[in-house]
Amino acid sequence: MKSSILTAVSLALITSGISLAQERTQPASTNQDTTIVRPAVAKSLTVFGRVSRDGQSLITDIDSEWTVSNADVLKGREGRPVTVKCYVDSDRNQIRVLSVRTFQPEVKFDPR
């Protein structure tokens, strides 16, 4: 008798837990006119490339060209290889530079 009561209570708790979890994942409003806009989670990315001659875009090491939304940060680095930390907007083929470092090739000294 005790085991059947315990089983019934456990089954009731599990069923109510599942139904509560389903209710929480449904949208608050099912009205088709309501649009919920959620901002995309942006992660920064570090990219190596060369600044274009006009300083408005970055040509990456895989020969893809990205327009730079804040191109003023690249001023003075036209035509040079750089490493940039940026946010990528792939829909617009655009990046927003967070930081930029001019790439310095490693110079090896041969003391012969």
Protein backbone atom coordinates (compact mmCIF):
# COMPACT_ATOMS: atom_id res chain seq x y z
CA MET A 1 0.00 0.00 0.00
CA LYS A 2 2.80 2.42 0.95
CA SER A 3 4.71 1.73 -2.26
CA SER A 4 1.67 2.43 -4.46
CA ILE A 5 1.01 5.75 -2.64
CA LEU A 6 4.69 6.68 -2.94
CA THR A 7 4.63 5.82 -6.65
CA ALA A 8 1.49 7.89 -7.22
CA VAL A 9 2.95 10.93 -5.39
CA SER A 10 6.25 10.62 -7.30
CA LEU A 11 4.41 10.39 -10.61
CA ALA A 12 2.30 13.45 -9.73
CA LEU A 13 5.42 15.46 -8.82
CA ILE A 14 7.26 14.47 -12.00
CA THR A 15 4.24 15.26 -14.18
CA SER A 16 3.72 18.67 -12.56
CA GLY A 17 7.43 19.46 -12.89
CA ILE A 18 7.36 18.65 -16.60
CA SER A 19 4.25 20.75 -17.18
CA LEU A 20 5.78 23.71 -15.30
CA ALA A 21 8.95 23.47 -17.40
CA GLN A 22 6.89 23.52 -20.59
CA GLU A 23 4.88 26.54 -19.46
CA ARG A 24 8.04 28.55 -18.76
CA THR A 25 9.44 28.04 -22.25
CA GLN A 26 6.32 29.34 -24.00
CA PRO A 27 6.21 33.04 -24.92
CA ALA A 28 4.31 35.37 -22.60
CA SER A 29 2.03 36.46 -25.42
CA THR A 30 0.77 34.41 -28.34
CA ASN A 31 -0.49 37.50 -30.15
CA GLN A 32 0.94 37.46 -33.69
CA ASP A 33 1.20 41.28 -33.74
CA THR A 34 3.65 41.31 -30.86
CA THR A 35 7.30 41.16 -31.87
CA ILE A 36 9.86 40.33 -29.24
CA VAL A 37 13.31 41.63 -30.15
CA ARG A 38 16.19 40.09 -28.28
CA PRO A 39 19.69 41.46 -28.78
CA ALA A 40 22.19 39.02 -30.22
CA VAL A 41 24.94 37.92 -27.91
CA ALA A 42 28.09 39.44 -29.32
CA LYS A 43 31.44 37.80 -28.74
CA SER A 44 34.67 39.45 -29.64
CA LEU A 45 36.96 37.83 -32.14
CA THR A 46 40.67 38.32 -32.79
CA VAL A 47 41.52 38.55 -36.49
CA PHE A 48 44.79 38.94 -38.37
CA GLY A 49 44.76 40.87 -41.62
CA ARG A 50 45.98 43.81 -43.64
CA VAL A 51 44.40 47.26 -43.58
CA SER A 52 43.25 48.34 -47.04
CA ARG A 53 44.98 51.24 -48.78
CA ASP A 54 42.04 53.55 -48.07
CA GLY A 55 41.88 52.44 -44.41
CA GLN A 56 38.17 51.59 -44.60
CA SER A 57 38.37 47.80 -44.60
CA LEU A 58 40.39 44.84 -43.35
CA ILE A 59 41.54 42.06 -45.66
CA THR A 60 41.94 38.93 -43.55
CA ASP A 61 44.40 36.10 -43.92
CA ILE A 62 41.75 34.03 -45.73
CA ASP A 63 41.27 36.72 -48.40
CA SER A 64 37.93 37.96 -47.16
CA GLU A 65 37.34 41.69 -46.93
CA TRP A 66 35.45 43.25 -44.04
CA THR A 67 34.23 46.85 -43.92
CA VAL A 68 35.25 48.55 -40.68
CA SER A 69 32.42 50.52 -39.07
CA ASN A 70 34.81 52.63 -36.99
CA ALA A 71 37.61 53.01 -39.55
CA ASP A 72 39.13 55.99 -37.70
CA VAL A 73 40.91 53.53 -35.36
CA LEU A 74 42.90 52.22 -38.34
CA LYS A 75 44.21 55.66 -39.33
CA GLY A 76 47.96 55.58 -39.96
CA ARG A 77 48.01 51.80 -40.50
CA GLU A 78 46.94 51.76 -44.16
CA GLY A 79 48.50 48.83 -46.04
CA ARG A 80 50.03 47.31 -42.91
CA PRO A 81 49.42 43.93 -41.30
CA VAL A 82 47.47 44.19 -38.03
CA THR A 83 45.81 42.08 -35.39
CA VAL A 84 42.40 43.39 -34.37
CA LYS A 85 39.98 42.42 -31.64
CA CYS A 86 36.52 43.10 -33.00
CA TYR A 87 32.82 42.37 -33.08
CA VAL A 88 31.63 40.78 -36.33
CA ASP A 89 28.37 41.58 -38.09
CA SER A 90 28.33 38.85 -40.73
CA ASP A 91 24.97 39.99 -42.14
CA ARG A 92 26.53 43.30 -43.21
CA ASN A 93 30.05 41.90 -43.79
CA GLN A 94 31.23 44.47 -41.27
CA ILE A 95 33.39 44.57 -38.16
CA ARG A 96 33.66 46.99 -35.25
CA VAL A 97 37.24 47.21 -34.03
CA LEU A 98 37.74 47.13 -30.26
CA SER A 99 41.54 47.18 -30.29
CA VAL A 100 44.23 47.12 -32.94
CA ARG A 101 47.91 46.17 -32.85
CA THR A 102 50.31 46.55 -35.73
CA PHE A 103 51.86 43.18 -36.45
CA GLN A 104 55.60 43.12 -35.86
CA PRO A 105 57.33 40.22 -37.60
CA GLU A 106 59.76 38.33 -35.44
CA VAL A 107 63.34 39.20 -36.35
CA LYS A 108 65.84 36.42 -35.81
CA PHE A 109 69.43 37.32 -35.23
CA ASP A 110 72.07 35.07 -36.74
CA PRO A 111 75.41 35.80 -34.99
CA ARG A 112 77.66 34.21 -37.65
